[in-house]
Amino acid sequence: MRFTKMQGLGNDFMLVYSQVPGDMSPLCRRLCDRHFGIGADGVIFVSPSWVADARMRIFNADGSEAKMCGNGIRCVAKYLYDKGLVRQEAMTVETLSGVKALKLSVERDRVRSVSVDMGAARVEQDGVALPEGTGMLISVGNPHLVIFSDTVEDLPLSLWGPRIESDPRFPDGVNVEFVQVLSPEKLRMRVWERGCGVTLACGTGACAAAFAAVQAGLCPAGRPIEVVLDGGSLHITVDAEGGVSMAGPAVTVFEGAMDL
């Protein structure tokens, strides 16, 4: 299996140009293992699409499939452009949560950053009461529970994250974001990703956090909001109708081949 290792703000992936070869759970767990495999937060399969420039399917480190990944789709865009598979600076990518439109920032014939139209977010439930805090359940193509806090730096994510993810009120699990408002245009966020655990960044989580902050009147609509994650910053804009766009970097780490 030939692969490209990529990352967006430290949220890292193996990208493989192939259709999904059957049941991926055991293979993804092996590939994502940081001691016995390549090591990644997920595996992304990129393939042709009938409705977009390309298609992506993403599997988490535990083998479960995600509908969408914000950091992952930026890596897919860079992969497609840098390898000459799609050579325009505006492209579309098919995901399990719909077709997403992307705009690429290119320097010296390489993609440096990508802006993604994530579509409309929505509040599924507000005032979700938990021992760890009161959250807002947001859908951005996948589920996120956003909990605002006075500080997020010392929260025990490895303890609270799995407890919230497995709460019976979320039968399919949930991503969990703890968010601190630093200013009306700047948020600090730490994340527990469903199927992955603590990660350095989550693109859809940053979108959910910014959207929740706008809905709560903590940040303005129509202006970029910097979301500071453990791996760096994303810039999220939420329009008056709830549409969300995300901009951030994508980096190729290395390429290789692995015997299966």
C-alpha atoms as a PDB file:
ATOM      1  CA  MET A   1       0.000   0.000   0.000  1.00  0.00           C
ATOM      2  CA  ARG A   2       1.491   3.315  -1.082  1.00  0.00           C
ATOM      3  CA  PHE A   3       0.474   6.247   1.105  1.00  0.00           C
ATOM      4  CA  THR A   4       1.082   9.926   1.775  1.00  0.00           C
ATOM      5  CA  LYS A   5       1.311  11.101   5.377  1.00  0.00           C
ATOM      6  CA  MET A   6      -0.228  14.564   5.812  1.00  0.00           C
ATOM      7  CA  GLN A   7      -1.302  16.841   8.634  1.00  0.00           C
ATOM      8  CA  GLY A   8      -3.421  19.894   9.297  1.00  0.00           C
ATOM      9  CA  LEU A   9      -2.366  21.615  12.538  1.00  0.00           C
ATOM     10  CA  GLY A  10      -1.019  18.305  13.842  1.00  0.00           C
ATOM     11  CA  ASN A  11      -4.219  16.383  13.081  1.00  0.00           C
ATOM     12  CA  ASP A  12      -2.530  13.722  10.948  1.00  0.00           C
ATOM     13  CA  PHE A  13      -3.706  11.273   8.308  1.00  0.00           C
ATOM     14  CA  MET A  14      -2.598   8.581   5.910  1.00  0.00           C
ATOM     15  CA  LEU A  15      -3.953   9.318   2.420  1.00  0.00           C
ATOM     16  CA  VAL A  16      -4.320   6.455  -0.039  1.00  0.00           C
ATOM     17  CA  TYR A  17      -5.521   6.823  -3.635  1.00  0.00           C
ATOM     18  CA  SER A  18      -7.885   3.859  -3.811  1.00  0.00           C
ATOM     19  CA  GLN A  19     -11.443   2.728  -3.397  1.00  0.00           C
ATOM     20  CA  VAL A  20     -12.140   1.410   0.099  1.00  0.00           C
ATOM     21  CA  PRO A  21     -11.010  -2.257   0.077  1.00  0.00           C
ATOM     22  CA  GLY A  22     -13.704  -3.902   2.196  1.00  0.00           C
ATOM     23  CA  ASP A  23     -13.908  -3.867   6.004  1.00  0.00           C
ATOM     24  CA  MET A  24     -11.465  -1.235   7.181  1.00  0.00           C
ATOM     25  CA  SER A  25     -11.723  -1.556  10.982  1.00  0.00           C
ATOM     26  CA  PRO A  26      -8.834  -3.992  11.646  1.00  0.00           C
ATOM     27  CA  LEU A  27      -6.584  -2.427   8.990  1.00  0.00           C
ATOM     28  CA  CYS A  28      -7.153   1.158  10.165  1.00  0.00           C
ATOM     29  CA  ARG A  29      -6.420   0.249  13.756  1.00  0.00           C
ATOM     30  CA  ARG A  30      -3.151  -1.326  12.610  1.00  0.00           C
ATOM     31  CA  LEU A  31      -2.133   1.510  10.281  1.00  0.00           C
ATOM     32  CA  CYS A  32      -2.929   4.253  12.795  1.00  0.00           C
ATOM     33  CA  ASP A  33      -1.045   2.591  15.655  1.00  0.00           C
ATOM     34  CA  ARG A  34       1.907   4.877  16.438  1.00  0.00           C
ATOM     35  CA  HIS A  35       4.105   2.006  17.601  1.00  0.00           C
ATOM     36  CA  PHE A  36       3.299  -0.873  15.221  1.00  0.00           C
ATOM     37  CA  GLY A  37       1.942   1.038  12.194  1.00  0.00           C
ATOM     38  CA  ILE A  38       2.471   4.347  10.428  1.00  0.00           C
ATOM     39  CA  GLY A  39       0.712   6.364  13.103  1.00  0.00           C
ATOM     40  CA  ALA A  40      -2.203   8.696  12.372  1.00  0.00           C
ATOM     41  CA  ASP A  41      -5.516  10.029  13.648  1.00  0.00           C
ATOM     42  CA  GLY A  42      -7.206   8.484  10.603  1.00  0.00           C
ATOM     43  CA  VAL A  43      -6.915   6.965   7.143  1.00  0.00           C
ATOM     44  CA  ILE A  44      -8.393   8.793   4.130  1.00  0.00           C
ATOM     45  CA  PHE A  45      -9.181   7.028   0.870  1.00  0.00           C
ATOM     46  CA  VAL A  46      -9.283   9.331  -2.165  1.00  0.00           C
ATOM     47  CA  SER A  47     -10.967   8.179  -5.376  1.00  0.00           C
ATOM     48  CA  PRO A  48     -12.768   9.517  -8.468  1.00  0.00           C
ATOM     49  CA  SER A  49     -16.309  10.859  -8.083  1.00  0.00           C
ATOM     50  CA  TRP A  50     -19.323  11.114 -10.373  1.00  0.00           C
ATOM     51  CA  VAL A  51     -20.528  14.333  -8.716  1.00  0.00           C
ATOM     52  CA  ALA A  52     -17.322  16.199  -7.753  1.00  0.00           C
ATOM     53  CA  ASP A  53     -13.654  16.461  -8.674  1.00  0.00           C
ATOM     54  CA  ALA A  54     -12.862  13.658  -6.226  1.00  0.00           C
ATOM     55  CA  ARG A  55     -14.307  11.633  -3.379  1.00  0.00           C
ATOM     56  CA  MET A  56     -12.977  11.077   0.135  1.00  0.00           C
ATOM     57  CA  ARG A  57     -13.840   8.564   2.808  1.00  0.00           C
ATOM     58  CA  ILE A  58     -12.224   8.827   6.218  1.00  0.00           C
ATOM     59  CA  PHE A  59     -11.806   6.193   8.906  1.00  0.00           C
ATOM     60  CA  ASN A  60     -10.840   7.069  12.472  1.00  0.00           C
ATOM     61  CA  ALA A  61      -8.012   5.436  14.377  1.00  0.00           C
ATOM     62  CA  ASP A  62     -10.476   3.011  15.996  1.00  0.00           C
ATOM     63  CA  GLY A  63     -11.717   1.862  12.563  1.00  0.00           C
ATOM     64  CA  SER A  64     -15.050   3.712  12.638  1.00  0.00           C
ATOM     65  CA  GLU A  65     -16.002   5.815   9.613  1.00  0.00           C
ATOM     66  CA  ALA A  66     -16.582   9.571   9.910  1.00  0.00           C
ATOM     67  CA  LYS A  67     -18.864  11.515   7.592  1.00  0.00           C
ATOM     68  CA  MET A  68     -16.602  14.539   7.377  1.00  0.00           C
ATOM     69  CA  CYS A  69     -13.245  15.885   8.582  1.00  0.00           C
ATOM     70  CA  GLY A  70     -12.284  19.538   8.233  1.00  0.00           C
ATOM     71  CA  ASN A  71      -8.526  19.099   8.589  1.00  0.00           C
ATOM     72  CA  GLY A  72      -8.677  15.966   6.455  1.00  0.00           C
ATOM     73  CA  ILE A  73     -10.471  17.579   3.512  1.00  0.00           C
ATOM     74  CA  ARG A  74      -7.830  20.340   3.358  1.00  0.00           C
ATOM     75  CA  CYS A  75      -5.172  17.631   3.118  1.00  0.00           C
ATOM     76  CA  VAL A  76      -7.175  15.940   0.358  1.00  0.00           C
ATOM     77  CA  ALA A  77      -7.248  19.188  -1.625  1.00  0.00           C
ATOM     78  CA  LYS A  78      -3.472  19.604  -1.335  1.00  0.00           C
ATOM     79  CA  TYR A  79      -2.947  15.944  -2.258  1.00  0.00           C
ATOM     80  CA  LEU A  80      -5.080  16.271  -5.395  1.00  0.00           C
ATOM     81  CA  TYR A  81      -3.452  19.499  -6.566  1.00  0.00           C
ATOM     82  CA  ASP A  82       0.171  18.726  -5.736  1.00  0.00           C
ATOM     83  CA  LYS A  83      -0.032  15.338  -7.450  1.00  0.00           C
ATOM     84  CA  GLY A  84      -1.638  16.832 -10.550  1.00  0.00           C
ATOM     85  CA  LEU A  85      -4.908  14.930 -10.171  1.00  0.00           C
ATOM     86  CA  VAL A  86      -6.950  18.168 -10.045  1.00  0.00           C
ATOM     87  CA  ARG A  87      -5.127  21.249 -11.276  1.00  0.00           C
ATOM     88  CA  GLN A  88      -7.538  24.088 -10.623  1.00  0.00           C
ATOM     89  CA  GLU A  89      -7.433  26.311  -7.562  1.00  0.00           C
ATOM     90  CA  ALA A  90     -11.161  25.821  -6.964  1.00  0.00           C
ATOM     91  CA  MET A  91     -12.348  22.241  -6.577  1.00  0.00           C
ATOM     92  CA  THR A  92     -15.119  20.123  -5.111  1.00  0.00           C
ATOM     93  CA  VAL A  93     -14.808  17.022  -2.946  1.00  0.00           C
ATOM     94  CA  GLU A  94     -17.560  14.499  -2.292  1.00  0.00           C
ATOM     95  CA  THR A  95     -17.945  13.413   1.349  1.00  0.00           C
ATOM     96  CA  LEU A  96     -20.535  11.403   3.240  1.00  0.00           C
ATOM     97  CA  SER A  97     -21.972  14.737   4.427  1.00  0.00           C
ATOM     98  CA  GLY A  98     -22.276  16.153   0.911  1.00  0.00           C
ATOM     99  CA  VAL A  99     -20.145  17.862  -1.712  1.00  0.00           C
ATOM    100  CA  LYS A 100     -17.841  20.568  -0.330  1.00  0.00           C
ATOM    101  CA  ALA A 101     -16.384  23.475  -2.322  1.00  0.00           C
ATOM    102  CA  LEU A 102     -12.769  24.435  -1.680  1.00  0.00           C
ATOM    103  CA  LYS A 103     -10.466  27.301  -2.674  1.00  0.00           C
ATOM    104  CA  LEU A 104      -6.715  26.741  -2.674  1.00  0.00           C
ATOM    105  CA  SER A 105      -3.894  29.154  -1.879  1.00  0.00           C
ATOM    106  CA  VAL A 106      -0.953  28.095  -4.050  1.00  0.00           C
ATOM    107  CA  GLU A 107       2.679  29.220  -3.784  1.00  0.00           C
ATOM    108  CA  ARG A 108       5.495  27.898  -5.999  1.00  0.00           C
ATOM    109  CA  ASP A 109       3.118  25.311  -7.443  1.00  0.00           C
ATOM    110  CA  ARG A 110       2.301  23.836  -4.037  1.00  0.00           C
ATOM    111  CA  VAL A 111      -0.832  24.288  -1.917  1.00  0.00           C
ATOM    112  CA  ARG A 112      -0.119  26.102   1.345  1.00  0.00           C
ATOM    113  CA  SER A 113      -3.617  26.640   2.729  1.00  0.00           C
ATOM    114  CA  VAL A 114      -7.198  25.806   1.849  1.00  0.00           C
ATOM    115  CA  SER A 115     -10.554  27.492   2.450  1.00  0.00           C
ATOM    116  CA  VAL A 116     -13.566  25.188   2.703  1.00  0.00           C
ATOM    117  CA  ASP A 117     -17.261  26.020   2.425  1.00  0.00           C
ATOM    118  CA  MET A 118     -18.528  23.707   5.158  1.00  0.00           C
ATOM    119  CA  GLY A 119     -22.217  24.378   4.505  1.00  0.00           C
ATOM    120  CA  ALA A 120     -24.826  25.266   7.101  1.00  0.00           C
ATOM    121  CA  ALA A 121     -24.399  24.242  10.730  1.00  0.00           C
ATOM    122  CA  ARG A 122     -27.371  23.796  13.029  1.00  0.00           C
ATOM    123  CA  VAL A 123     -28.151  23.542  16.726  1.00  0.00           C
ATOM    124  CA  GLU A 124     -29.502  20.086  17.519  1.00  0.00           C
ATOM    125  CA  GLN A 125     -29.990  20.743  21.221  1.00  0.00           C
ATOM    126  CA  ASP A 126     -29.070  23.528  23.622  1.00  0.00           C
ATOM    127  CA  GLY A 127     -28.596  23.259  27.370  1.00  0.00           C
ATOM    128  CA  VAL A 128     -27.301  19.673  27.466  1.00  0.00           C
ATOM    129  CA  ALA A 129     -26.544  19.236  31.165  1.00  0.00           C
ATOM    130  CA  LEU A 130     -23.525  17.118  32.099  1.00  0.00           C
ATOM    131  CA  PRO A 131     -21.342  16.873  35.221  1.00  0.00           C
ATOM    132  CA  GLU A 132     -18.533  18.407  33.154  1.00  0.00           C
ATOM    133  CA  GLY A 133     -20.622  21.426  32.112  1.00  0.00           C
ATOM    134  CA  THR A 134     -23.595  22.504  30.011  1.00  0.00           C
ATOM    135  CA  GLY A 135     -23.175  21.969  26.301  1.00  0.00           C
ATOM    136  CA  MET A 136     -24.682  22.906  22.952  1.00  0.00           C
ATOM    137  CA  LEU A 137     -25.094  20.001  20.515  1.00  0.00           C
ATOM    138  CA  ILE A 138     -24.131  21.166  17.018  1.00  0.00           C
ATOM    139  CA  SER A 139     -24.257  19.369  13.673  1.00  0.00           C
ATOM    140  CA  VAL A 140     -21.609  20.285  11.094  1.00  0.00           C
ATOM    141  CA  GLY A 141     -22.153  17.136   9.058  1.00  0.00           C
ATOM    142  CA  ASN A 142     -21.077  15.243  12.179  1.00  0.00           C
ATOM    143  CA  PRO A 143     -22.071  15.727  15.848  1.00  0.00           C
ATOM    144  CA  HIS A 144     -20.252  18.042  18.258  1.00  0.00           C
ATOM    145  CA  LEU A 145     -20.956  18.947  21.864  1.00  0.00           C
ATOM    146  CA  VAL A 146     -19.546  22.416  22.573  1.00  0.00           C
ATOM    147  CA  ILE A 147     -18.990  23.269  26.237  1.00  0.00           C
ATOM    148  CA  PHE A 148     -17.906  26.802  27.147  1.00  0.00           C
ATOM    149  CA  SER A 149     -15.488  27.134  30.060  1.00  0.00           C
ATOM    150  CA  ASP A 150     -13.580  29.890  31.861  1.00  0.00           C
ATOM    151  CA  THR A 151     -10.348  28.015  31.093  1.00  0.00           C
ATOM    152  CA  VAL A 152      -9.517  24.951  29.028  1.00  0.00           C
ATOM    153  CA  GLU A 153      -5.777  24.518  29.534  1.00  0.00           C
ATOM    154  CA  ASP A 154      -5.865  22.112  32.484  1.00  0.00           C
ATOM    155  CA  LEU A 155      -9.084  20.223  31.805  1.00  0.00           C
ATOM    156  CA  PRO A 156      -8.718  16.419  32.093  1.00  0.00           C
ATOM    157  CA  LEU A 157      -9.677  15.675  28.479  1.00  0.00           C
ATOM    158  CA  SER A 158      -8.596  12.038  28.682  1.00  0.00           C
ATOM    159  CA  LEU A 159     -11.015  11.516  31.579  1.00  0.00           C
ATOM    160  CA  TRP A 160     -13.957  13.670  30.537  1.00  0.00           C
ATOM    161  CA  GLY A 161     -13.812  13.038  26.781  1.00  0.00           C
ATOM    162  CA  PRO A 162     -14.544   9.288  26.737  1.00  0.00           C
ATOM    163  CA  ARG A 163     -17.141   9.696  29.466  1.00  0.00           C
ATOM    164  CA  ILE A 164     -19.088  12.248  27.423  1.00  0.00           C
ATOM    165  CA  GLU A 165     -18.573  10.418  24.105  1.00  0.00           C
ATOM    166  CA  SER A 166     -20.119   7.249  25.565  1.00  0.00           C
ATOM    167  CA  ASP A 167     -23.011   9.016  27.313  1.00  0.00           C
ATOM    168  CA  PRO A 168     -26.238   7.137  26.422  1.00  0.00           C
ATOM    169  CA  ARG A 169     -27.775  10.394  25.182  1.00  0.00           C
ATOM    170  CA  PHE A 170     -25.361  10.147  22.236  1.00  0.00           C
ATOM    171  CA  PRO A 171     -25.980   6.622  20.907  1.00  0.00           C
ATOM    172  CA  ASP A 172     -23.606   7.188  17.959  1.00  0.00           C
ATOM    173  CA  GLY A 173     -21.008   8.942  20.090  1.00  0.00           C
ATOM    174  CA  VAL A 174     -20.103  12.618  19.901  1.00  0.00           C
ATOM    175  CA  ASN A 175     -17.068  14.872  19.426  1.00  0.00           C
ATOM    176  CA  VAL A 176     -16.459  17.078  22.452  1.00  0.00           C
ATOM    177  CA  GLU A 177     -15.063  20.626  22.355  1.00  0.00           C
ATOM    178  CA  PHE A 178     -14.165  22.662  25.428  1.00  0.00           C
ATOM    179  CA  VAL A 179     -14.058  26.330  24.443  1.00  0.00           C
ATOM    180  CA  GLN A 180     -12.814  29.471  26.171  1.00  0.00           C
ATOM    181  CA  VAL A 181     -13.761  32.885  24.776  1.00  0.00           C
ATOM    182  CA  LEU A 182     -10.617  35.029  24.668  1.00  0.00           C
ATOM    183  CA  SER A 183     -12.250  37.916  22.789  1.00  0.00           C
ATOM    184  CA  PRO A 184     -15.229  38.419  20.423  1.00  0.00           C
ATOM    185  CA  GLU A 185     -12.957  37.340  17.559  1.00  0.00           C
ATOM    186  CA  LYS A 186     -10.781  34.714  19.239  1.00  0.00           C
ATOM    187  CA  LEU A 187     -11.556  31.358  20.871  1.00  0.00           C
ATOM    188  CA  ARG A 188      -9.337  28.809  22.577  1.00  0.00           C
ATOM    189  CA  MET A 189     -10.459  25.205  22.029  1.00  0.00           C
ATOM    190  CA  ARG A 190      -9.354  21.742  23.088  1.00  0.00           C
ATOM    191  CA  VAL A 191     -10.960  18.643  21.654  1.00  0.00           C
ATOM    192  CA  TRP A 192     -11.785  15.004  22.242  1.00  0.00           C
ATOM    193  CA  GLU A 193     -12.542  13.443  18.847  1.00  0.00           C
ATOM    194  CA  ARG A 194     -14.977  10.584  18.540  1.00  0.00           C
ATOM    195  CA  GLY A 195     -13.067   7.464  17.562  1.00  0.00           C
ATOM    196  CA  CYS A 196      -9.644   9.130  17.982  1.00  0.00           C
ATOM    197  CA  GLY A 197      -9.302  10.606  21.465  1.00  0.00           C
ATOM    198  CA  VAL A 198      -7.410  13.798  22.245  1.00  0.00           C
ATOM    199  CA  THR A 199      -6.113  15.374  19.023  1.00  0.00           C
ATOM    200  CA  LEU A 200      -4.130  18.528  18.335  1.00  0.00           C
ATOM    201  CA  ALA A 201      -6.861  19.978  16.113  1.00  0.00           C
ATOM    202  CA  CYS A 202     -10.338  19.290  14.735  1.00  0.00           C
ATOM    203  CA  GLY A 203     -11.598  21.311  11.775  1.00  0.00           C
ATOM    204  CA  THR A 204     -15.279  20.488  12.087  1.00  0.00           C
ATOM    205  CA  GLY A 205     -14.951  21.000  15.849  1.00  0.00           C
ATOM    206  CA  ALA A 206     -13.557  24.506  15.299  1.00  0.00           C
ATOM    207  CA  CYS A 207     -16.508  25.219  12.992  1.00  0.00           C
ATOM    208  CA  ALA A 208     -18.939  23.947  15.640  1.00  0.00           C
ATOM    209  CA  ALA A 209     -17.253  26.039  18.339  1.00  0.00           C
ATOM    210  CA  ALA A 210     -17.407  29.244  16.293  1.00  0.00           C
ATOM    211  CA  PHE A 211     -20.998  28.575  15.274  1.00  0.00           C
ATOM    212  CA  ALA A 212     -22.008  27.931  18.901  1.00  0.00           C
ATOM    213  CA  ALA A 213     -20.254  31.141  19.994  1.00  0.00           C
ATOM    214  CA  VAL A 214     -22.180  33.141  17.373  1.00  0.00           C
ATOM    215  CA  GLN A 215     -25.462  31.515  18.395  1.00  0.00           C
ATOM    216  CA  ALA A 216     -24.751  32.347  22.045  1.00  0.00           C
ATOM    217  CA  GLY A 217     -23.964  35.985  21.191  1.00  0.00           C
ATOM    218  CA  LEU A 218     -20.327  35.628  22.241  1.00  0.00           C
ATOM    219  CA  CYS A 219     -18.859  36.278  18.777  1.00  0.00           C
ATOM    220  CA  PRO A 220     -20.203  38.251  15.795  1.00  0.00           C
ATOM    221  CA  ALA A 221     -21.511  36.734  12.571  1.00  0.00           C
ATOM    222  CA  GLY A 222     -19.875  37.662   9.287  1.00  0.00           C
ATOM    223  CA  ARG A 223     -16.355  38.245  10.634  1.00  0.00           C
ATOM    224  CA  PRO A 224     -13.437  35.785  10.861  1.00  0.00           C
ATOM    225  CA  ILE A 225     -13.044  34.112  14.235  1.00  0.00           C
ATOM    226  CA  GLU A 226      -9.635  32.712  15.130  1.00  0.00           C
ATOM    227  CA  VAL A 227      -9.932  29.341  16.856  1.00  0.00           C
ATOM    228  CA  VAL A 228      -6.698  28.493  18.659  1.00  0.00           C
ATOM    229  CA  LEU A 229      -6.150  24.747  18.973  1.00  0.00           C
ATOM    230  CA  ASP A 230      -3.263  22.798  20.485  1.00  0.00           C
ATOM    231  CA  GLY A 231      -1.747  22.435  16.995  1.00  0.00           C
ATOM    232  CA  GLY A 232      -2.306  26.009  15.753  1.00  0.00           C
ATOM    233  CA  SER A 233      -5.090  28.280  14.537  1.00  0.00           C
ATOM    234  CA  LEU A 234      -7.979  27.967  12.116  1.00  0.00           C
ATOM    235  CA  HIS A 235     -10.032  30.926  10.892  1.00  0.00           C
ATOM    236  CA  ILE A 236     -13.784  30.365  10.855  1.00  0.00           C
ATOM    237  CA  THR A 237     -16.490  32.666   9.487  1.00  0.00           C
ATOM    238  CA  VAL A 238     -20.168  32.145  10.283  1.00  0.00           C
ATOM    239  CA  ASP A 239     -22.616  34.082   8.119  1.00  0.00           C
ATOM    240  CA  ALA A 240     -26.031  35.364   9.170  1.00  0.00           C
ATOM    241  CA  GLU A 241     -27.766  32.275   7.748  1.00  0.00           C
ATOM    242  CA  GLY A 242     -25.536  29.838   9.649  1.00  0.00           C
ATOM    243  CA  GLY A 243     -23.225  29.005   6.753  1.00  0.00           C
ATOM    244  CA  VAL A 244     -19.708  28.207   7.909  1.00  0.00           C
ATOM    245  CA  SER A 245     -16.371  28.548   6.104  1.00  0.00           C
ATOM    246  CA  MET A 246     -13.001  27.374   7.385  1.00  0.00           C
ATOM    247  CA  ALA A 247      -9.472  28.353   6.345  1.00  0.00           C
ATOM    248  CA  GLY A 248      -6.236  26.710   7.426  1.00  0.00           C
ATOM    249  CA  PRO A 249      -2.998  25.001   6.366  1.00  0.00           C
ATOM    250  CA  ALA A 250      -2.300  21.548   4.947  1.00  0.00           C
ATOM    251  CA  VAL A 251       1.151  19.935   4.998  1.00  0.00           C
ATOM    252  CA  THR A 252       2.684  16.858   3.398  1.00  0.00           C
ATOM    253  CA  VAL A 253       4.927  15.051   5.902  1.00  0.00           C
ATOM    254  CA  PHE A 254       6.311  12.092   3.899  1.00  0.00           C
ATOM    255  CA  GLU A 255       5.400   9.354   1.451  1.00  0.00           C
ATOM    256  CA  GLY A 256       6.031   5.643   1.648  1.00  0.00           C
ATOM    257  CA  ALA A 257       4.798   2.099   1.158  1.00  0.00           C
ATOM    258  CA  MET A 258       3.712  -0.523   3.670  1.00  0.00           C
ATOM    259  CA  ASP A 259       3.390  -4.288   3.334  1.00  0.00           C
ATOM    260  CA  LEU A 260      -0.070  -5.404   4.401  1.00  0.00           C
END
